[in-house]
Protein backbone atom coordinates (compact mmCIF):
# COMPACT_ATOMS: atom_id res chain seq x y z
CA MET A 1 -84.75 17.46 11.57
CA THR A 2 -81.39 17.74 11.10
CA LYS A 3 -79.20 18.97 8.28
CA ILE A 4 -76.31 19.72 8.15
CA LEU A 5 -74.29 20.79 5.54
CA ILE A 6 -70.73 21.30 4.33
CA LYS A 7 -69.80 23.53 1.75
CA SER A 8 -67.32 22.94 -0.77
CA ILE A 9 -64.82 20.42 1.00
CA LYS A 10 -62.49 17.95 -0.79
CA ILE A 11 -63.14 13.92 -0.31
CA LEU A 12 -60.52 11.50 -0.01
CA ASP A 13 -62.33 7.93 -0.17
CA LYS A 14 -60.68 5.75 -2.32
CA GLU A 15 -64.02 3.77 -1.93
CA SER A 16 -65.51 6.94 -3.00
CA SER A 17 -66.93 7.79 -6.70
CA HIS A 18 -65.82 11.11 -5.29
CA HIS A 19 -62.63 10.64 -4.32
CA GLY A 20 -60.46 13.78 -5.03
CA LYS A 21 -62.92 15.80 -5.71
CA THR A 22 -64.49 18.99 -4.15
CA LYS A 23 -68.21 18.55 -3.03
CA ASP A 24 -70.72 19.96 -0.83
CA VAL A 25 -72.06 17.57 1.24
CA LEU A 26 -75.76 17.51 2.97
CA ILE A 27 -76.49 15.61 6.03
CA GLU A 28 -79.48 14.77 7.31
CA ASN A 29 -80.71 12.79 10.17
CA GLY A 30 -77.48 10.56 10.29
CA LYS A 31 -77.50 9.70 6.53
CA ILE A 32 -75.33 11.56 3.80
CA LYS A 33 -78.44 12.95 1.61
CA GLU A 34 -76.87 14.50 -1.23
CA ILE A 35 -73.32 15.03 -2.77
CA GLY A 36 -72.60 17.02 -5.62
CA LYS A 37 -73.61 21.85 -5.94
CA ILE A 38 -75.86 22.14 -2.85
CA ASP A 39 -77.84 25.27 -2.42
CA THR A 40 -80.44 24.37 0.62
CA LYS A 41 -81.25 25.55 3.82
CA ALA A 42 -79.04 23.76 6.68
CA ASN A 43 -79.09 23.96 10.67
CA GLU A 44 -75.79 23.90 10.81
CA VAL A 45 -73.45 25.35 7.32
CA LEU A 46 -69.55 24.06 7.64
CA ASP A 47 -66.70 25.99 5.99
CA GLY A 48 -65.17 23.23 4.09
CA LYS A 49 -62.45 25.06 2.38
CA GLY A 50 -58.98 23.74 2.77
CA ARG A 51 -60.20 21.01 4.69
CA ILE A 52 -60.68 17.50 3.97
CA LEU A 53 -63.73 15.11 4.34
CA SER A 54 -63.02 11.49 4.56
CA GLN A 55 -64.50 8.75 6.44
CA GLY A 56 -64.46 8.47 10.38
CA TRP A 57 -61.11 7.81 11.69
CA VAL A 58 -60.73 4.25 13.84
CA ASP A 59 -58.30 4.34 16.54
CA MET A 60 -56.43 0.39 17.05
CA ARG A 61 -54.27 1.43 20.12
CA ALA A 62 -55.48 3.43 23.03
CA TRP A 63 -56.07 2.51 26.79
CA LEU A 64 -58.71 4.05 28.67
CA ALA A 65 -57.85 3.44 32.22
CA ASP A 66 -61.57 2.18 33.23
CA PRO A 67 -62.06 0.05 35.04
CA GLY A 68 -59.34 0.53 37.48
CA PHE A 69 -57.43 3.26 37.20
CA GLU A 70 -60.43 5.89 36.41
CA HIS A 71 -58.65 8.83 37.89
CA LYS A 72 -56.30 8.71 34.71
CA GLU A 73 -59.11 8.24 32.37
CA ASP A 74 -62.67 6.52 31.94
CA LEU A 75 -64.68 5.36 29.19
CA GLU A 76 -66.70 8.63 28.89
CA SER A 77 -63.43 11.26 28.90
CA GLY A 78 -62.02 8.82 26.87
CA ARG A 79 -64.89 9.12 24.22
CA GLU A 80 -64.69 12.99 24.28
CA ALA A 81 -60.84 12.98 24.10
CA ALA A 82 -61.63 11.23 21.36
CA MET A 83 -64.41 12.78 19.74
CA ALA A 84 -62.22 16.09 19.85
CA GLY A 85 -59.48 14.06 17.31
CA GLY A 86 -61.53 12.98 14.87
CA PHE A 87 -62.16 8.95 16.41
CA THR A 88 -65.20 7.62 15.21
CA HIS A 89 -64.62 4.55 16.58
CA VAL A 90 -61.49 3.08 18.74
CA ALA A 91 -60.37 0.04 20.31
CA VAL A 92 -60.01 -0.38 23.65
CA LEU A 93 -56.46 -2.06 24.91
CA PRO A 94 -57.76 -4.45 27.96
CA ASN A 95 -55.07 -3.53 30.45
CA THR A 96 -57.61 -2.87 32.93
CA LYS A 97 -58.18 -4.16 36.46
CA PRO A 98 -60.25 -6.43 36.03
CA VAL A 99 -58.13 -7.05 32.42
CA THR A 100 -60.70 -7.24 29.53
CA GLN A 101 -61.29 -11.12 30.01
CA SER A 102 -64.67 -12.16 30.55
CA LYS A 103 -67.62 -11.54 28.40
CA ASN A 104 -69.02 -9.39 31.50
CA ASP A 105 -65.11 -7.03 31.18
CA VAL A 106 -66.09 -7.09 26.96
CA ALA A 107 -69.81 -5.91 27.85
CA TYR A 108 -68.39 -3.35 30.49
CA VAL A 109 -66.68 -1.67 27.58
CA ARG A 110 -69.35 -1.85 24.90
CA ALA A 111 -72.22 -0.45 26.72
CA GLY A 112 -72.19 3.51 26.39
CA ASN A 113 -71.72 2.46 22.55
CA GLN A 114 -76.03 2.52 21.40
CA LYS A 115 -76.30 5.74 22.09
CA ALA A 116 -72.49 7.16 22.04
CA LEU A 117 -71.44 9.05 18.83
CA THR A 118 -67.14 7.71 19.19
CA GLN A 119 -67.70 3.44 19.45
CA LEU A 120 -65.27 1.46 21.33
CA HIS A 121 -64.15 -1.55 21.01
CA PRO A 122 -62.85 -4.01 23.87
CA ILE A 123 -59.46 -6.22 22.67
CA ALA A 124 -59.66 -8.63 25.04
CA ALA A 125 -56.52 -10.21 27.18
CA VAL A 126 -54.37 -13.05 25.23
CA THR A 127 -53.54 -14.42 28.19
CA LEU A 128 -55.11 -14.22 32.13
CA ASP A 129 -54.20 -10.73 33.53
CA ALA A 130 -51.92 -9.55 30.82
CA LYS A 131 -49.62 -11.68 32.38
CA GLY A 132 -48.24 -14.31 29.55
CA GLU A 133 -48.64 -17.39 30.78
CA ASP A 134 -52.72 -19.03 31.03
CA LEU A 135 -54.34 -18.67 27.57
CA THR A 136 -58.23 -16.53 27.70
CA GLU A 137 -61.62 -17.94 26.58
CA MET A 138 -61.00 -16.20 23.21
CA ILE A 139 -63.87 -17.57 21.31
CA ASP A 140 -66.31 -17.00 24.23
CA LEU A 141 -64.38 -13.55 24.01
CA HIS A 142 -64.73 -13.28 20.49
CA GLU A 143 -69.02 -13.81 20.64
CA ALA A 144 -69.30 -11.33 23.48
CA GLY A 145 -67.80 -8.57 20.52
CA ALA A 146 -64.18 -8.30 20.95
CA ILE A 147 -63.36 -7.01 18.30
CA ALA A 148 -59.21 -7.82 18.20
CA PHE A 149 -57.11 -9.62 20.89
CA SER A 150 -53.86 -8.93 22.38
CA ASP A 151 -51.48 -8.32 26.08
CA GLY A 152 -52.12 -4.45 24.94
CA LEU A 153 -49.04 -2.58 27.30
CA LYS A 154 -47.20 -5.50 27.32
CA PRO A 155 -45.66 -7.77 24.87
CA ILE A 156 -46.27 -11.49 24.29
CA TRP A 157 -42.96 -12.81 25.36
CA HIS A 158 -43.90 -16.29 25.71
CA SER A 159 -43.00 -18.86 21.95
CA ASP A 160 -45.81 -21.16 22.91
CA ILE A 161 -48.51 -18.82 23.23
CA LEU A 162 -48.22 -16.26 20.97
CA LEU A 163 -48.01 -19.91 18.28
CA LYS A 164 -51.45 -21.14 20.20
CA THR A 165 -53.11 -18.63 19.81
CA LEU A 166 -51.92 -17.70 15.79
CA GLN A 167 -53.70 -21.12 15.49
CA TYR A 168 -56.49 -20.63 18.15
CA LEU A 169 -57.69 -17.31 16.42
CA GLN A 170 -57.94 -19.39 12.94
CA LYS A 171 -61.02 -20.92 14.32
CA PHE A 172 -62.50 -17.03 13.46
CA ASP A 173 -60.59 -15.52 11.24
CA GLY A 174 -58.76 -13.23 14.46
CA LEU A 175 -56.51 -10.85 14.93
CA LEU A 176 -54.08 -10.97 17.37
CA ILE A 177 -52.22 -7.87 17.75
CA ASP A 178 -48.43 -7.34 19.43
CA ARG A 179 -46.43 -4.98 20.57
CA PRO A 180 -42.83 -6.48 19.78
CA GLU A 181 -40.30 -6.06 22.54
CA ASP A 182 -37.26 -8.02 24.45
CA ILE A 183 -38.60 -7.32 27.95
CA HIS A 184 -34.99 -8.31 29.22
CA LEU A 185 -33.26 -6.23 26.96
CA ASN A 186 -34.85 -3.38 27.20
CA MET A 187 -35.53 -3.80 31.31
CA PHE A 188 -34.55 -1.24 33.42
CA GLY A 189 -33.92 1.07 30.33
CA VAL A 190 -36.05 4.17 29.75
CA MET A 191 -35.40 5.90 26.55
CA ASN A 192 -33.61 5.11 23.76
CA GLU A 193 -29.59 3.45 22.93
CA GLY A 194 -27.78 5.06 21.64
CA ILE A 195 -25.11 8.36 21.34
CA ASN A 196 -27.82 10.18 23.56
CA SER A 197 -28.86 7.78 26.57
CA THR A 198 -24.69 7.98 26.71
CA MET A 199 -24.11 11.62 27.23
CA LEU A 200 -27.21 11.36 29.03
CA GLY A 201 -26.19 8.64 31.90
CA MET A 202 -29.38 6.99 31.51
CA LYS A 203 -29.95 3.37 30.34
CA GLY A 204 -31.07 2.51 26.93
CA MET A 205 -33.65 0.78 24.57
CA PRO A 206 -32.06 -0.90 21.89
CA ASN A 207 -32.74 -1.20 19.04
CA LEU A 208 -32.55 -5.05 18.51
CA ALA A 209 -35.21 -5.39 21.56
CA GLU A 210 -37.48 -4.46 18.80
CA ASP A 211 -36.29 -6.47 16.25
CA ILE A 212 -35.91 -10.27 17.45
CA ILE A 213 -38.85 -10.09 18.21
CA VAL A 214 -40.42 -9.17 15.15
CA GLN A 215 -38.40 -11.75 14.10
CA ARG A 216 -39.67 -14.31 16.19
CA ASN A 217 -42.76 -13.01 15.79
CA LEU A 218 -42.51 -13.38 11.63
CA ASP A 219 -41.54 -16.78 12.26
CA ILE A 220 -43.96 -18.16 14.30
CA LEU A 221 -46.75 -16.79 12.06
CA ALA A 222 -44.52 -18.31 9.20
CA TYR A 223 -45.14 -22.05 10.98
CA ALA A 224 -49.04 -21.36 12.46
CA GLY A 225 -50.28 -19.22 10.30
CA GLY A 226 -53.40 -17.07 11.05
CA ARG A 227 -53.31 -12.84 11.46
CA LEU A 228 -51.00 -11.01 13.26
CA HIS A 229 -50.74 -7.22 13.62
CA MET A 230 -47.47 -6.07 15.59
CA THR A 231 -48.43 -2.23 16.39
CA ASN A 232 -46.09 0.90 17.74
CA ILE A 233 -43.39 -0.48 15.21
CA SER A 234 -40.10 2.17 15.60
CA THR A 235 -37.21 0.68 14.41
CA PRO A 236 -35.52 0.73 10.36
CA HIS A 237 -34.86 -3.20 10.26
CA ALA A 238 -38.43 -4.26 11.98
CA LEU A 239 -39.99 -2.70 9.14
CA SER A 240 -37.63 -4.71 6.32
CA LEU A 241 -38.69 -7.51 8.05
CA ILE A 242 -41.89 -6.88 7.93
CA LYS A 243 -42.03 -5.66 4.31
CA ASN A 244 -39.67 -8.79 2.91
CA ALA A 245 -42.47 -11.12 4.94
CA LYS A 246 -45.08 -9.44 3.25
CA LYS A 247 -43.89 -9.80 0.26
CA LYS A 248 -43.68 -13.78 0.72
CA GLY A 249 -46.79 -13.55 1.74
CA LEU A 250 -47.06 -13.53 4.98
CA ASN A 251 -50.62 -12.07 6.48
CA VAL A 252 -48.58 -9.12 8.97
CA THR A 253 -49.56 -5.72 9.09
CA CYS A 254 -48.28 -3.22 11.58
CA ASP A 255 -49.00 0.41 12.95
CA ILE A 256 -46.82 3.49 13.97
CA ALA A 257 -48.07 4.99 17.09
CA SER A 258 -49.06 9.16 15.14
CA TYR A 259 -46.29 10.66 17.84
CA GLN A 260 -43.05 8.43 16.81
CA THR A 261 -41.63 10.90 14.36
CA SER A 262 -42.70 14.24 16.06
CA PHE A 263 -40.14 14.05 18.24
CA ASP A 264 -36.42 12.11 18.44
CA ASP A 265 -33.95 10.85 21.12
CA SER A 266 -32.65 13.98 21.07
CA ALA A 267 -35.46 15.76 23.06
CA LEU A 268 -34.58 14.10 26.02
CA HIS A 269 -31.79 16.60 27.29
CA ASP A 270 -34.15 18.55 29.15
CA PHE A 271 -35.10 15.05 30.88
CA ASP A 272 -39.16 16.37 30.55
CA PRO A 273 -40.90 13.03 31.17
CA ALA A 274 -43.18 14.44 29.19
CA TYR A 275 -41.39 12.53 26.43
CA LYS A 276 -40.93 9.32 27.57
CA VAL A 277 -42.73 6.62 25.80
CA ASN A 278 -42.44 3.35 24.75
CA PRO A 279 -41.26 2.31 22.44
CA PRO A 280 -38.72 5.37 22.46
CA PHE A 281 -38.45 8.27 20.07
CA ARG A 282 -35.33 6.86 18.20
CA THR A 283 -33.13 8.92 15.83
CA ALA A 284 -34.01 11.08 13.07
CA ALA A 285 -32.31 8.28 10.46
CA ASP A 286 -34.52 5.90 12.31
CA ASN A 287 -37.17 8.50 11.84
CA LYS A 288 -36.63 9.01 8.25
CA ALA A 289 -37.10 4.86 7.76
CA ILE A 290 -40.54 5.15 9.49
CA THR A 291 -42.13 8.25 6.96
CA LYS A 292 -40.66 5.55 4.21
CA GLY A 293 -42.40 3.00 5.24
CA LEU A 294 -45.49 4.97 5.22
CA GLN A 295 -44.74 6.00 2.08
CA ASP A 296 -44.37 2.09 0.22
CA GLY A 297 -47.06 0.73 2.49
CA THR A 298 -45.04 -1.28 4.77
CA ILE A 299 -47.14 1.01 7.86
CA ASP A 300 -50.50 -0.30 7.81
CA ALA A 301 -52.62 2.32 9.94
CA ILE A 302 -51.18 5.12 12.24
CA VAL A 303 -52.64 5.29 15.78
CA SER A 304 -52.96 7.39 18.87
CA SER A 305 -51.28 4.80 21.85
CA HIS A 306 -52.97 6.55 24.03
CA ILE A 307 -51.32 6.18 27.75
CA PRO A 308 -52.85 8.87 29.76
CA HIS A 309 -51.57 9.01 34.31
CA ASP A 310 -52.02 11.12 36.53
CA GLU A 311 -49.78 13.95 37.79
CA GLU A 312 -48.01 11.32 40.55
CA CYS A 313 -47.06 8.65 38.07
CA LYS A 314 -45.20 12.02 35.03
CA LYS A 315 -44.43 14.88 37.12
CA LEU A 316 -41.14 12.54 38.87
CA GLU A 317 -37.87 12.02 38.35
CA TYR A 318 -36.86 10.44 34.47
CA ASP A 319 -35.76 7.32 35.55
CA LEU A 320 -39.09 7.17 37.76
CA ALA A 321 -42.31 8.58 35.51
CA ASP A 322 -44.39 5.90 33.49
CA PHE A 323 -44.43 5.78 29.43
CA GLY A 324 -46.85 7.21 28.06
CA ILE A 325 -47.89 10.07 26.56
CA ASN A 326 -52.38 11.05 25.70
CA GLY A 327 -52.29 11.10 22.45
CA LEU A 328 -56.04 11.33 21.20
CA GLN A 329 -56.18 14.62 20.53
CA THR A 330 -52.94 15.16 18.56
CA VAL A 331 -52.75 13.07 15.30
CA ALA A 332 -54.82 15.55 13.22
CA THR A 333 -51.41 17.52 13.92
CA ASP A 334 -49.74 14.93 13.95
CA ILE A 335 -50.54 14.11 10.69
CA ALA A 336 -50.04 17.04 9.57
CA ARG A 337 -47.01 17.05 10.29
CA LEU A 338 -46.24 13.44 8.62
CA SER A 339 -48.02 15.22 5.21
CA GLU A 340 -44.46 16.93 4.62
CA LYS A 341 -43.44 14.54 3.68
CA VAL A 342 -46.10 11.62 3.12
CA GLU A 343 -49.10 12.08 0.46
CA MET A 344 -52.21 12.92 2.65
CA GLU A 345 -53.86 10.68 1.55
CA LEU A 346 -51.80 7.56 2.20
CA LEU A 347 -52.09 9.66 5.73
CA ILE A 348 -55.56 9.55 5.55
CA GLU A 349 -55.58 5.72 5.02
CA LYS A 350 -53.98 5.03 7.59
CA VAL A 351 -56.10 6.29 9.97
CA THR A 352 -59.94 5.36 8.47
CA SER A 353 -60.44 2.52 5.55
CA ALA A 354 -56.90 0.35 6.49
CA PRO A 355 -57.58 -0.39 10.05
CA ARG A 356 -61.48 -0.71 8.97
CA SER A 357 -60.90 -4.06 6.99
CA LEU A 358 -57.91 -4.74 10.17
CA LEU A 359 -60.25 -4.88 12.35
CA LYS A 360 -63.34 -5.63 10.08
CA LEU A 361 -65.63 -2.47 10.71
CA GLU A 362 -68.20 -1.85 8.08
CA SER A 363 -67.02 0.75 5.66
CA GLY A 364 -67.84 4.21 6.33
CA THR A 365 -67.38 5.19 2.70
CA ILE A 366 -68.92 8.38 1.11
CA GLU A 367 -71.33 8.09 -1.36
CA GLU A 368 -75.32 9.50 -0.87
CA GLY A 369 -78.30 6.95 1.16
CA LYS A 370 -74.50 5.57 3.08
CA SER A 371 -74.92 6.68 7.17
CA ALA A 372 -72.68 9.68 7.78
CA ASP A 373 -69.53 8.85 9.67
CA LEU A 374 -67.83 11.14 8.54
CA THR A 375 -64.60 13.42 10.24
CA VAL A 376 -63.47 16.56 9.09
CA PHE A 377 -59.90 17.31 9.01
CA ASP A 378 -58.21 21.10 8.45
CA PRO A 379 -54.47 20.65 8.14
CA ASN A 380 -54.24 23.97 9.06
CA ALA A 381 -56.47 24.92 12.17
CA GLU A 382 -54.15 26.67 14.68
CA TRP A 383 -55.38 25.68 18.55
CA THR A 384 -53.36 25.05 21.38
CA LEU A 385 -53.71 21.91 23.95
CA ASN A 386 -54.08 23.26 27.35
CA GLY A 387 -56.70 22.63 29.78
CA LYS A 388 -59.62 24.32 28.14
CA SER A 389 -59.32 22.11 25.18
CA ASN A 390 -57.87 19.11 26.24
CA LYS A 391 -60.99 16.91 27.28
CA SER A 392 -58.90 14.11 28.87
CA LYS A 393 -57.97 13.68 32.50
CA SER A 394 -54.96 13.37 31.57
CA VAL A 395 -51.99 15.85 30.73
CA ASN A 396 -48.81 13.92 29.81
CA SER A 397 -48.06 14.91 26.52
CA PRO A 398 -45.03 17.00 24.69
CA TYR A 399 -47.65 19.07 23.46
CA TRP A 400 -48.65 20.76 26.32
CA ASN A 401 -49.56 23.88 26.05
CA GLN A 402 -47.97 24.22 22.51
CA LYS A 403 -49.63 26.14 19.48
CA LEU A 404 -50.45 23.44 17.20
CA LYS A 405 -51.42 22.66 13.70
CA GLY A 406 -54.00 19.67 12.07
CA GLN A 407 -56.85 20.08 13.59
CA ALA A 408 -60.12 17.16 13.51
CA VAL A 409 -63.04 19.86 12.78
CA ALA A 410 -65.82 17.63 12.93
CA VAL A 411 -67.34 14.52 13.77
CA PHE A 412 -70.51 12.46 12.92
CA ASN A 413 -71.74 8.59 13.54
CA ASN A 414 -74.87 7.26 15.21
CA GLY A 415 -77.10 9.78 14.33
CA GLN A 416 -74.67 12.74 15.74
CA TYR A 417 -72.51 15.09 15.14
CA GLN A 418 -69.85 17.40 17.27
CA ILE A 419 -67.99 20.38 15.92
CA ASN A 420 -65.27 20.88 17.68
CA ASN A 421 -63.91 24.52 15.04
CA ALA A 422 -66.19 25.83 12.96
């Protein structure tokens, strides 16, 4: 019989009767045994002072590269990084080799869930090989356990494919996830288009490349119906379009990468490929619009947008390096930074109850008798992302070897627990 006692921790969970209160929480054999003032012996006692207890964090966007690119990441190392980052559930992008587009592919991602603390949920491809041309068998994939549908790292560039997918998914109320990008406007682009790209002599990626696809997606959604989630939003106009669409009653949601406002395009003056992401880091003014979108509810979720790379793909001249950041373990740091401008309660909601609702995952609400699907977050914990603390196979992070503030210190799920930093 395993007992873990968390002493004097603040509970942030709008679905819980203990929301906003500081309590002791006793977890016994994977269940929340008691909440209140508790004095009992336990196998582990965790000090909750200055820390936050929430439902287990859920990531809606991570590329774990397995199968096919296991030298960058595999499902096991991805799970380890997710646990260290505070995630009990991760939705896994389909851009593997082979692409997640068959029942066997879905089963491969889910295979280790029965015994794992962090549950991996496959996102199946919308089109064969994520090429944007021919539809996959989405009903079969849904029945096999696909949690959502997306071409993942690639946008759905074909308007008729987008239309037909929205119609098709309505048969089972499926969720379509798209990363809005006009691939032709962004062709050969390597950073945000603006003053800094001009000064550095690099091909820019304009806000327009995102904005016009967001508008297209919303127009097609209004025509076809269905559920559409747009991921990695980065521009003020895109947020404005989504906000207005919500007011009109369209079933549209969106997220941002947790790191998006932690940097702006001025960070690229050293040509460091660690800062090369898509969508790119934009301007400080654009970041202010994202902060406002978090505050007013336009942005529904925060994702890691974890894209691991080996050194051969990242330690190159900036123009030649691949896009992406190893992000699973630094979401907590990004949330701690965001909390200087956005209420912590809102931020926690965007990595817990909001993505659970979108993906139709079971609630992990904090009540006695419920299964312990929980994350303990310390916004003031100091740590360094380096070879010792990093659980991913990749090191492509702008945070590498930096002293950081904000860490997920413990996770509980599936009858298991892990304490990252007591």
